[in-house]
Protein backbone atom coordinates (compact mmCIF):
# COMPACT_ATOMS: atom_id res chain seq x y z
CA UNK A 1 22.51 4.98 -29.04
CA UNK A 2 19.94 3.27 -26.96
CA UNK A 3 17.18 5.37 -25.79
CA UNK A 4 17.10 6.40 -22.07
CA UNK A 5 14.49 6.16 -19.43
CA UNK A 6 13.89 9.78 -19.69
CA UNK A 7 13.55 9.69 -23.47
CA UNK A 8 10.97 6.69 -23.21
CA UNK A 9 9.06 8.55 -20.49
CA UNK A 10 8.90 11.84 -22.72
CA UNK A 11 7.58 9.78 -25.68
CA UNK A 12 4.98 7.67 -23.74
CA UNK A 13 3.53 10.81 -21.82
CA UNK A 14 3.50 12.49 -25.19
CA UNK A 15 1.33 9.52 -26.67
CA UNK A 16 -0.64 9.69 -23.57
CA UNK A 17 -1.58 13.25 -23.78
CA UNK A 18 -2.34 13.11 -27.48
CA UNK A 19 -4.80 10.16 -27.01
CA UNK A 20 -6.29 12.08 -24.11
CA UNK A 21 -7.17 14.71 -26.43
CA UNK A 22 -8.57 12.53 -29.09
CA UNK A 23 -10.53 10.32 -26.78
CA UNK A 24 -11.31 11.44 -23.33
CA UNK A 25 -9.33 9.33 -20.51
CA UNK A 26 -12.95 9.10 -18.62
CA UNK A 27 -14.32 6.80 -21.30
CA UNK A 28 -11.18 4.73 -21.56
CA UNK A 29 -10.83 4.59 -17.89
CA UNK A 30 -14.27 3.06 -17.47
CA UNK A 31 -13.47 0.23 -19.97
CA UNK A 32 -10.36 -0.61 -18.00
CA UNK A 33 -12.32 -0.42 -14.61
CA UNK A 34 -14.70 -3.07 -16.05
CA UNK A 35 -11.83 -5.29 -17.01
CA UNK A 36 -10.85 -4.88 -13.14
CA UNK A 37 -14.26 -5.81 -11.84
CA UNK A 38 -13.69 -9.63 -11.76
CA UNK A 39 -10.78 -9.15 -9.31
CA UNK A 40 -12.98 -6.85 -7.01
CA UNK A 41 -15.64 -9.20 -7.18
CA UNK A 42 -13.53 -12.26 -5.82
CA UNK A 43 -13.67 -11.17 -2.10
CA UNK A 44 -16.57 -9.55 -0.19
CA UNK A 45 -14.18 -6.78 1.12
CA UNK A 46 -10.50 -5.95 0.32
CA UNK A 47 -8.07 -3.28 1.19
CA UNK A 48 -7.43 -1.81 -2.43
CA UNK A 49 -4.67 0.61 -3.00
CA UNK A 50 -5.40 3.03 -5.79
CA UNK A 51 -3.93 6.62 -6.84
CA UNK A 52 -5.50 9.92 -7.77
CA UNK A 53 -4.93 10.33 -11.60
CA UNK A 54 -3.15 12.94 -13.40
CA UNK A 55 -5.30 14.24 -16.32
CA UNK A 56 -3.60 11.59 -18.91
CA UNK A 57 -3.94 8.65 -16.35
CA UNK A 58 -6.54 5.93 -15.69
CA UNK A 59 -8.98 7.32 -13.28
CA UNK A 60 -9.75 4.72 -10.64
CA UNK A 61 -11.51 7.02 -8.04
CA UNK A 62 -15.01 5.99 -9.46
CA UNK A 63 -14.31 2.42 -7.80
CA UNK A 64 -15.18 4.07 -4.50
CA UNK A 65 -18.90 4.43 -5.85
CA UNK A 66 -18.85 1.39 -8.08
CA UNK A 67 -17.50 -1.14 -5.52
CA UNK A 68 -18.09 0.56 -1.99
CA UNK A 69 -17.75 -2.40 -0.20
CA UNK A 70 -13.86 -2.24 -0.25
CA UNK A 71 -11.45 -0.21 1.83
CA UNK A 72 -9.74 2.14 -0.79
CA UNK A 73 -6.34 3.50 0.17
CA UNK A 74 -4.36 6.31 -1.49
CA UNK A 75 -0.67 7.24 -1.36
CA UNK A 76 0.80 10.21 0.51
CA UNK A 77 4.44 11.21 -0.39
CA UNK A 78 6.54 11.31 2.43
CA UNK A 79 10.36 12.53 2.63
CA UNK A 80 13.01 10.18 1.63
CA UNK A 81 10.90 9.38 -1.46
CA UNK A 82 8.57 6.99 0.69
CA UNK A 83 4.90 6.28 0.36
CA UNK A 84 2.17 6.05 3.06
CA UNK A 85 -1.27 4.85 2.20
CA UNK A 86 -4.32 6.23 3.93
CA UNK A 87 -8.20 5.08 3.84
CA UNK A 88 -10.16 7.49 1.73
CA UNK A 89 -14.01 7.14 2.12
CA UNK A 90 -14.91 10.17 0.06
CA UNK A 91 -12.58 11.69 -2.72
CA UNK A 92 -14.07 15.00 -2.29
CA UNK A 93 -13.60 15.46 1.46
CA UNK A 94 -10.64 13.04 2.08
CA UNK A 95 -8.27 14.09 -0.76
CA UNK A 96 -6.35 17.47 -0.93
CA UNK A 97 -3.39 18.89 -3.24
CA UNK A 98 -0.29 17.12 -2.17
CA UNK A 99 3.28 16.87 -3.71
CA UNK A 100 3.43 18.05 -7.13
CA UNK A 101 -0.32 19.10 -6.78
CA UNK A 102 -1.21 15.48 -7.03
CA UNK A 103 -4.29 14.79 -4.66
CA UNK A 104 -3.41 12.80 -1.69
CA UNK A 105 -5.12 11.63 1.68
CA UNK A 106 -5.86 14.57 4.03
CA UNK A 107 -4.40 14.46 7.49
CA UNK A 108 -7.52 13.18 9.21
CA UNK A 109 -7.55 9.91 7.11
CA UNK A 110 -6.59 6.74 8.82
CA UNK A 111 -3.14 5.29 7.90
CA UNK A 112 -3.16 1.71 6.67
CA UNK A 113 -0.05 -0.53 6.78
CA UNK A 114 1.63 -2.11 3.75
CA UNK A 115 0.82 -5.48 5.22
CA UNK A 116 -2.93 -4.73 5.29
CA UNK A 117 -3.15 -4.17 1.47
CA UNK A 118 -4.79 -6.86 -0.50
CA UNK A 119 -4.58 -5.37 -3.92
CA UNK A 120 -2.12 -2.76 -5.04
CA UNK A 121 -2.62 -1.10 -8.36
CA UNK A 122 0.43 0.63 -9.43
CA UNK A 123 0.64 3.83 -11.67
CA UNK A 124 3.15 3.95 -14.47
CA UNK A 125 4.20 5.88 -17.53
CA UNK A 126 4.97 2.73 -19.89
CA UNK A 127 4.73 -1.01 -19.39
CA UNK A 128 5.72 -4.29 -21.18
CA UNK A 129 3.64 -7.28 -21.39
CA UNK A 130 6.06 -9.29 -19.41
CA UNK A 131 5.45 -6.78 -16.51
CA UNK A 132 8.51 -4.24 -16.89
CA UNK A 133 7.28 -0.74 -15.58
CA UNK A 134 8.54 2.70 -16.27
CA UNK A 135 7.33 5.01 -13.51
CA UNK A 136 7.92 8.73 -13.17
CA UNK A 137 11.40 8.44 -11.86
CA UNK A 138 11.02 8.92 -8.14
CA UNK A 139 11.10 5.20 -7.38
CA UNK A 140 8.52 5.59 -4.60
CA UNK A 141 6.54 2.32 -5.67
CA UNK A 142 9.80 0.28 -6.13
CA UNK A 143 10.70 1.09 -2.61
CA UNK A 144 6.85 0.50 -1.37
CA UNK A 145 6.03 -2.70 -3.17
CA UNK A 146 8.39 -5.19 -1.14
CA UNK A 147 6.66 -3.85 1.99
CA UNK A 148 3.28 -5.29 0.73
CA UNK A 149 3.80 -8.85 1.61
CA UNK A 150 0.38 -10.11 0.92
CA UNK A 151 -0.79 -7.76 -1.83
CA UNK A 152 -1.71 -8.78 -5.44
CA UNK A 153 0.30 -6.21 -7.55
CA UNK A 154 -0.92 -5.14 -10.89
CA UNK A 155 -1.33 -2.29 -13.06
CA UNK A 156 -3.88 -1.03 -15.72
CA UNK A 157 -2.62 0.40 -18.78
CA UNK A 158 -3.90 2.27 -22.02
CA UNK A 159 -2.63 0.89 -25.33
CA UNK A 160 -0.36 3.98 -25.72
CA UNK A 161 1.61 2.93 -22.48
CA UNK A 162 2.45 -0.55 -23.87
CA UNK A 163 6.02 -0.90 -25.29
CA UNK A 164 7.89 -3.91 -26.62
CA UNK A 165 10.89 -3.29 -24.28
CA UNK A 166 12.04 -1.13 -21.31
CA UNK A 167 15.52 -0.60 -20.07
CA UNK A 168 15.51 -2.03 -16.31
CA UNK A 169 17.86 -1.64 -13.43
CA UNK A 170 18.27 -4.00 -10.40
CA UNK A 171 15.87 -1.96 -8.17
CA UNK A 172 13.01 -2.00 -10.86
CA UNK A 173 10.46 -4.27 -9.89
CA UNK A 174 8.17 -6.38 -12.25
CA UNK A 175 4.38 -5.97 -12.02
CA UNK A 176 2.71 -9.41 -11.62
CA UNK A 177 -0.59 -8.71 -13.78
CA UNK A 178 -1.20 -5.90 -16.35
CA UNK A 179 -4.68 -5.06 -17.41
CA UNK A 180 -5.09 -3.41 -20.87
CA UNK A 181 -7.74 -2.84 -23.36
CA UNK A 182 -6.51 -6.06 -25.32
CA UNK A 183 -6.32 -8.37 -22.25
């Protein structure tokens, strides 16, 4: 019997949590942020969509300090499994606990339209090298990505997140670029 998305998600999350115990995600995150650097240096200023990490995820928040010339936007969960991105200048003052206790933009942050985003960095649980993505199961990003008409869509992934194959459905979108420790 083929493994389900839920089963793959469980396995990938367990690998990530185990790896985080052995090797802190902060160090591994810094390595992946360095691999992202050439893209962030291509333009003087870009609107870059990132996310606040869960403990096992890649931490992109240091980008605000490392490449302050860019406008960083973070997602806010809305009813109907929709995302809204808002400009965050300072993670300590502009992010508050949101849906599922994941930090999201505070009410005072400015809303950015999907068409304004230049680089969209998408989270995920598992990825294939060909761009298939297994998210957390809500479909938020699958709904949001088509609205980002000019964005370069990519993901960063730890080795534990790479899998040879993923079951996909028609609504599952491929990621254009995948940055890993091996790329």
